[in-house]
Amino acid sequence: MVKRLWMALPALLLAGGCAVNPVSPPGPYAAVTPQMAAAGTDTGSRVRWGGVIVDVHPEKARTCFEVLGLPLDGDGRPEREHSLSEGRFIACSPGFYDPALYAKGREITVAGDITKVETHHIGGYAYRFPVVDAGAPHLWPRELPVRYLPGPCWNDPFCGPWGWPGPYPYAPWWR
């Protein structure tokens, strides 16, 4: 009995470590960007978009997010390294989402159907926003900066990748 439990343990550990896409509803998703959807021809398409929150508008039964669209990586997280936007869009999710938590500058990914295209003003410019009727949005955690600390032989000419004293040619003559 104990032997069978030990044999099942690796399978249980591997099953618990599998990643699941955090954004619902499930795909397939149309290969449409917010810029392409602004023309209004892709209404009804199921999309998965993400980007950086620009503004949050809580309403009575739903919360709408204005998002600056960015390309998504394989996990569905917006890629901030890109300097070009895919266009802005509005994603409306049922329920209340706190604007303090879903604040300006946070990364978000949503999935849902394009319902319509609305025109709003950004400054004096009239901009066409595709509106996505989304499920629960996925708010990505903030990435903490990685701090690299120098090793034990930082800036030492006699130190190799294995520590001091390193192998030839950096080993001292008395070694």
C-alpha atoms as a PDB file:
ATOM      1  CA  MET A   1       0.000   0.000   0.000  1.00  0.00           C
ATOM      2  CA  VAL A   2       2.775   2.436   0.949  1.00  0.00           C
ATOM      3  CA  LYS A   3       4.693   1.514  -2.197  1.00  0.00           C
ATOM      4  CA  ARG A   4       1.698   2.459  -4.370  1.00  0.00           C
ATOM      5  CA  LEU A   5       1.383   5.795  -2.576  1.00  0.00           C
ATOM      6  CA  TRP A   6       5.057   6.531  -3.238  1.00  0.00           C
ATOM      7  CA  MET A   7       4.564   5.666  -6.899  1.00  0.00           C
ATOM      8  CA  ALA A   8       1.579   8.050  -7.166  1.00  0.00           C
ATOM      9  CA  LEU A   9       3.378  10.932  -5.443  1.00  0.00           C
ATOM     10  CA  PRO A  10       5.362  12.150  -8.506  1.00  0.00           C
ATOM     11  CA  ALA A  11       2.204  12.192 -10.631  1.00  0.00           C
ATOM     12  CA  LEU A  12       0.372  14.241  -8.015  1.00  0.00           C
ATOM     13  CA  LEU A  13       3.254  16.704  -7.733  1.00  0.00           C
ATOM     14  CA  LEU A  14       3.442  17.133 -11.487  1.00  0.00           C
ATOM     15  CA  ALA A  15      -0.315  17.585 -11.815  1.00  0.00           C
ATOM     16  CA  GLY A  16      -0.317  20.311  -9.169  1.00  0.00           C
ATOM     17  CA  GLY A  17       2.379  22.273 -10.972  1.00  0.00           C
ATOM     18  CA  CYS A  18       0.630  22.596 -14.317  1.00  0.00           C
ATOM     19  CA  ALA A  19      -0.172  26.155 -15.309  1.00  0.00           C
ATOM     20  CA  VAL A  20      -3.658  27.098 -16.420  1.00  0.00           C
ATOM     21  CA  ASN A  21      -4.442  30.111 -18.557  1.00  0.00           C
ATOM     22  CA  PRO A  22      -5.951  32.577 -16.069  1.00  0.00           C
ATOM     23  CA  VAL A  23      -8.260  34.284 -18.547  1.00  0.00           C
ATOM     24  CA  SER A  24     -11.719  32.941 -19.331  1.00  0.00           C
ATOM     25  CA  PRO A  25     -13.711  32.270 -21.501  1.00  0.00           C
ATOM     26  CA  PRO A  26     -11.776  29.589 -23.336  1.00  0.00           C
ATOM     27  CA  GLY A  27     -10.647  30.125 -26.928  1.00  0.00           C
ATOM     28  CA  PRO A  28     -10.270  29.933 -29.835  1.00  0.00           C
ATOM     29  CA  TYR A  29      -9.698  33.655 -30.193  1.00  0.00           C
ATOM     30  CA  ALA A  30      -9.830  35.717 -33.361  1.00  0.00           C
ATOM     31  CA  ALA A  31      -6.541  37.195 -34.588  1.00  0.00           C
ATOM     32  CA  VAL A  32      -7.890  40.737 -34.412  1.00  0.00           C
ATOM     33  CA  THR A  33      -6.114  43.702 -32.833  1.00  0.00           C
ATOM     34  CA  PRO A  34      -7.950  46.643 -31.263  1.00  0.00           C
ATOM     35  CA  GLN A  35      -6.864  48.824 -34.214  1.00  0.00           C
ATOM     36  CA  MET A  36      -8.436  46.406 -36.672  1.00  0.00           C
ATOM     37  CA  ALA A  37     -11.610  46.094 -34.562  1.00  0.00           C
ATOM     38  CA  ALA A  38     -12.027  49.899 -34.448  1.00  0.00           C
ATOM     39  CA  ALA A  39     -13.254  49.716 -38.070  1.00  0.00           C
ATOM     40  CA  GLY A  40     -16.383  47.980 -36.741  1.00  0.00           C
ATOM     41  CA  THR A  41     -16.310  44.953 -39.029  1.00  0.00           C
ATOM     42  CA  ASP A  42     -15.315  42.411 -36.344  1.00  0.00           C
ATOM     43  CA  THR A  43     -18.309  42.762 -34.016  1.00  0.00           C
ATOM     44  CA  GLY A  44     -19.121  39.421 -32.379  1.00  0.00           C
ATOM     45  CA  SER A  45     -15.571  38.055 -32.579  1.00  0.00           C
ATOM     46  CA  ARG A  46     -14.142  36.422 -29.465  1.00  0.00           C
ATOM     47  CA  VAL A  47     -10.807  38.022 -28.557  1.00  0.00           C
ATOM     48  CA  ARG A  48      -8.198  37.949 -25.822  1.00  0.00           C
ATOM     49  CA  TRP A  49      -6.540  41.314 -25.385  1.00  0.00           C
ATOM     50  CA  GLY A  50      -4.320  42.849 -22.781  1.00  0.00           C
ATOM     51  CA  GLY A  51      -2.397  45.948 -21.991  1.00  0.00           C
ATOM     52  CA  VAL A  52      -1.965  48.733 -19.476  1.00  0.00           C
ATOM     53  CA  ILE A  53      -4.945  50.277 -17.694  1.00  0.00           C
ATOM     54  CA  VAL A  54      -5.482  53.915 -18.645  1.00  0.00           C
ATOM     55  CA  ASP A  55      -8.740  54.568 -16.775  1.00  0.00           C
ATOM     56  CA  VAL A  56     -11.388  52.695 -14.757  1.00  0.00           C
ATOM     57  CA  HIS A  57     -15.117  53.516 -14.830  1.00  0.00           C
ATOM     58  CA  PRO A  58     -17.187  51.668 -12.182  1.00  0.00           C
ATOM     59  CA  GLU A  59     -20.899  51.624 -13.036  1.00  0.00           C
ATOM     60  CA  LYS A  60     -23.950  50.204 -11.251  1.00  0.00           C
ATOM     61  CA  ALA A  61     -23.694  46.589 -12.456  1.00  0.00           C
ATOM     62  CA  ARG A  62     -20.312  46.489 -14.186  1.00  0.00           C
ATOM     63  CA  THR A  63     -16.861  48.041 -14.348  1.00  0.00           C
ATOM     64  CA  CYS A  64     -15.343  49.280 -17.594  1.00  0.00           C
ATOM     65  CA  PHE A  65     -11.598  49.512 -18.136  1.00  0.00           C
ATOM     66  CA  GLU A  66      -9.978  51.724 -20.753  1.00  0.00           C
ATOM     67  CA  VAL A  67      -6.859  49.839 -21.797  1.00  0.00           C
ATOM     68  CA  LEU A  68      -3.854  50.699 -23.958  1.00  0.00           C
ATOM     69  CA  GLY A  69      -3.502  47.446 -25.926  1.00  0.00           C
ATOM     70  CA  LEU A  70      -0.145  45.668 -26.104  1.00  0.00           C
ATOM     71  CA  PRO A  71       0.874  42.348 -27.677  1.00  0.00           C
ATOM     72  CA  LEU A  72       0.539  39.330 -25.393  1.00  0.00           C
ATOM     73  CA  ASP A  73       3.234  36.780 -24.643  1.00  0.00           C
ATOM     74  CA  GLY A  74       2.625  33.023 -24.500  1.00  0.00           C
ATOM     75  CA  ASP A  75       1.116  33.230 -21.005  1.00  0.00           C
ATOM     76  CA  GLY A  76      -1.260  36.015 -22.005  1.00  0.00           C
ATOM     77  CA  ARG A  77       0.676  38.736 -20.165  1.00  0.00           C
ATOM     78  CA  PRO A  78       1.094  42.092 -21.940  1.00  0.00           C
ATOM     79  CA  GLU A  79       4.621  42.675 -23.208  1.00  0.00           C
ATOM     80  CA  ARG A  80       5.768  46.069 -21.949  1.00  0.00           C
ATOM     81  CA  GLU A  81       8.952  45.961 -24.010  1.00  0.00           C
ATOM     82  CA  HIS A  82       7.027  46.885 -27.136  1.00  0.00           C
ATOM     83  CA  SER A  83       6.949  50.598 -27.810  1.00  0.00           C
ATOM     84  CA  LEU A  84       4.065  50.328 -30.267  1.00  0.00           C
ATOM     85  CA  SER A  85       0.494  50.019 -29.085  1.00  0.00           C
ATOM     86  CA  GLU A  86      -2.105  47.813 -30.754  1.00  0.00           C
ATOM     87  CA  GLY A  87      -4.690  50.526 -30.069  1.00  0.00           C
ATOM     88  CA  ARG A  88      -6.965  51.316 -27.170  1.00  0.00           C
ATOM     89  CA  PHE A  89     -10.061  49.372 -26.206  1.00  0.00           C
ATOM     90  CA  ILE A  90     -12.721  49.297 -23.511  1.00  0.00           C
ATOM     91  CA  ALA A  91     -13.351  46.074 -21.592  1.00  0.00           C
ATOM     92  CA  CYS A  92     -16.498  45.857 -19.454  1.00  0.00           C
ATOM     93  CA  SER A  93     -16.741  43.145 -16.795  1.00  0.00           C
ATOM     94  CA  PRO A  94     -19.761  42.388 -14.615  1.00  0.00           C
ATOM     95  CA  GLY A  95     -19.449  43.383 -10.960  1.00  0.00           C
ATOM     96  CA  PHE A  96     -17.426  45.955  -9.075  1.00  0.00           C
ATOM     97  CA  TYR A  97     -13.647  46.137  -9.414  1.00  0.00           C
ATOM     98  CA  ASP A  98     -11.961  48.590  -7.084  1.00  0.00           C
ATOM     99  CA  PRO A  99     -10.235  51.431  -9.001  1.00  0.00           C
ATOM    100  CA  ALA A 100      -7.588  51.610  -6.275  1.00  0.00           C
ATOM    101  CA  LEU A 101      -6.525  48.026  -6.999  1.00  0.00           C
ATOM    102  CA  TYR A 102      -7.142  48.154 -10.751  1.00  0.00           C
ATOM    103  CA  ALA A 103      -5.193  51.397 -10.953  1.00  0.00           C
ATOM    104  CA  LYS A 104      -3.699  53.298 -13.853  1.00  0.00           C
ATOM    105  CA  GLY A 105      -0.518  51.656 -15.121  1.00  0.00           C
ATOM    106  CA  ARG A 106      -1.345  48.075 -14.016  1.00  0.00           C
ATOM    107  CA  GLU A 107      -1.250  45.225 -16.544  1.00  0.00           C
ATOM    108  CA  ILE A 108      -4.523  43.482 -17.336  1.00  0.00           C
ATOM    109  CA  THR A 109      -5.711  40.741 -19.684  1.00  0.00           C
ATOM    110  CA  VAL A 110      -9.338  40.183 -20.655  1.00  0.00           C
ATOM    111  CA  ALA A 111     -11.200  37.787 -22.913  1.00  0.00           C
ATOM    112  CA  GLY A 112     -14.645  38.185 -24.377  1.00  0.00           C
ATOM    113  CA  ASP A 113     -16.719  39.175 -27.379  1.00  0.00           C
ATOM    114  CA  ILE A 114     -16.531  42.480 -29.246  1.00  0.00           C
ATOM    115  CA  THR A 115     -19.978  44.035 -28.871  1.00  0.00           C
ATOM    116  CA  LYS A 116     -19.694  47.462 -30.486  1.00  0.00           C
ATOM    117  CA  VAL A 117     -17.446  50.398 -31.318  1.00  0.00           C
ATOM    118  CA  GLU A 118     -17.809  53.681 -29.402  1.00  0.00           C
ATOM    119  CA  THR A 119     -16.286  57.065 -30.115  1.00  0.00           C
ATOM    120  CA  HIS A 120     -14.742  58.981 -27.203  1.00  0.00           C
ATOM    121  CA  HIS A 121     -12.415  61.958 -27.131  1.00  0.00           C
ATOM    122  CA  ILE A 122      -8.773  61.780 -26.093  1.00  0.00           C
ATOM    123  CA  GLY A 123      -7.900  65.418 -25.688  1.00  0.00           C
ATOM    124  CA  GLY A 124      -9.407  66.981 -28.800  1.00  0.00           C
ATOM    125  CA  TYR A 125      -9.137  63.832 -30.920  1.00  0.00           C
ATOM    126  CA  ALA A 126     -12.151  61.605 -31.554  1.00  0.00           C
ATOM    127  CA  TYR A 127     -10.988  58.011 -31.030  1.00  0.00           C
ATOM    128  CA  ARG A 128     -12.912  54.836 -31.883  1.00  0.00           C
ATOM    129  CA  PHE A 129     -12.820  52.261 -29.073  1.00  0.00           C
ATOM    130  CA  PRO A 130     -13.892  48.648 -29.617  1.00  0.00           C
ATOM    131  CA  VAL A 131     -15.900  47.506 -26.582  1.00  0.00           C
ATOM    132  CA  VAL A 132     -15.359  43.975 -25.273  1.00  0.00           C
ATOM    133  CA  ASP A 133     -17.982  42.286 -23.106  1.00  0.00           C
ATOM    134  CA  ALA A 134     -15.428  40.465 -20.961  1.00  0.00           C
ATOM    135  CA  GLY A 135     -15.501  37.916 -18.207  1.00  0.00           C
ATOM    136  CA  ALA A 136     -13.419  38.376 -15.080  1.00  0.00           C
ATOM    137  CA  PRO A 137     -10.279  40.379 -15.881  1.00  0.00           C
ATOM    138  CA  HIS A 138      -6.869  39.061 -14.906  1.00  0.00           C
ATOM    139  CA  LEU A 139      -4.774  41.654 -13.088  1.00  0.00           C
ATOM    140  CA  TRP A 140      -1.108  40.746 -13.334  1.00  0.00           C
ATOM    141  CA  PRO A 141       1.111  41.158 -10.271  1.00  0.00           C
ATOM    142  CA  ARG A 142       3.669  43.915 -10.397  1.00  0.00           C
ATOM    143  CA  GLU A 143       7.094  42.663 -11.395  1.00  0.00           C
ATOM    144  CA  LEU A 144       9.677  43.365  -8.749  1.00  0.00           C
ATOM    145  CA  PRO A 145      13.054  44.549  -9.977  1.00  0.00           C
ATOM    146  CA  VAL A 146      15.761  41.908  -9.783  1.00  0.00           C
ATOM    147  CA  ARG A 147      18.810  42.956  -7.822  1.00  0.00           C
ATOM    148  CA  TYR A 148      22.036  41.223  -8.758  1.00  0.00           C
ATOM    149  CA  LEU A 149      24.630  41.016  -6.038  1.00  0.00           C
ATOM    150  CA  PRO A 150      28.299  40.538  -6.812  1.00  0.00           C
ATOM    151  CA  GLY A 151      29.781  37.143  -6.054  1.00  0.00           C
ATOM    152  CA  PRO A 152      32.607  36.429  -3.594  1.00  0.00           C
ATOM    153  CA  CYS A 153      35.284  37.288  -6.149  1.00  0.00           C
ATOM    154  CA  TRP A 154      33.832  40.366  -7.770  1.00  0.00           C
ATOM    155  CA  ASN A 155      36.486  42.390  -9.626  1.00  0.00           C
ATOM    156  CA  ASP A 156      39.287  39.969  -8.714  1.00  0.00           C
ATOM    157  CA  PRO A 157      41.657  39.161 -11.602  1.00  0.00           C
ATOM    158  CA  PHE A 158      42.703  35.843 -10.004  1.00  0.00           C
ATOM    159  CA  CYS A 159      39.147  34.583  -9.560  1.00  0.00           C
ATOM    160  CA  GLY A 160      37.583  32.208 -12.064  1.00  0.00           C
ATOM    161  CA  PRO A 161      34.039  31.006 -12.420  1.00  0.00           C
ATOM    162  CA  TRP A 162      34.712  28.369  -9.710  1.00  0.00           C
ATOM    163  CA  GLY A 163      35.933  30.811  -7.044  1.00  0.00           C
ATOM    164  CA  TRP A 164      39.415  31.832  -5.933  1.00  0.00           C
ATOM    165  CA  PRO A 165      41.919  30.637  -6.886  1.00  0.00           C
ATOM    166  CA  GLY A 166      40.617  29.975 -10.341  1.00  0.00           C
ATOM    167  CA  PRO A 167      41.978  27.649 -12.984  1.00  0.00           C
ATOM    168  CA  TYR A 168      44.702  28.509 -15.455  1.00  0.00           C
ATOM    169  CA  PRO A 169      45.544  31.261 -16.533  1.00  0.00           C
ATOM    170  CA  TYR A 170      44.254  33.053 -13.429  1.00  0.00           C
ATOM    171  CA  ALA A 171      45.671  30.729 -10.793  1.00  0.00           C
ATOM    172  CA  PRO A 172      48.616  32.206  -8.894  1.00  0.00           C
ATOM    173  CA  TRP A 173      52.070  30.731  -9.446  1.00  0.00           C
ATOM    174  CA  TRP A 174      52.288  29.149  -5.969  1.00  0.00           C
ATOM    175  CA  ARG A 175      49.363  26.876  -6.503  1.00  0.00           C
END
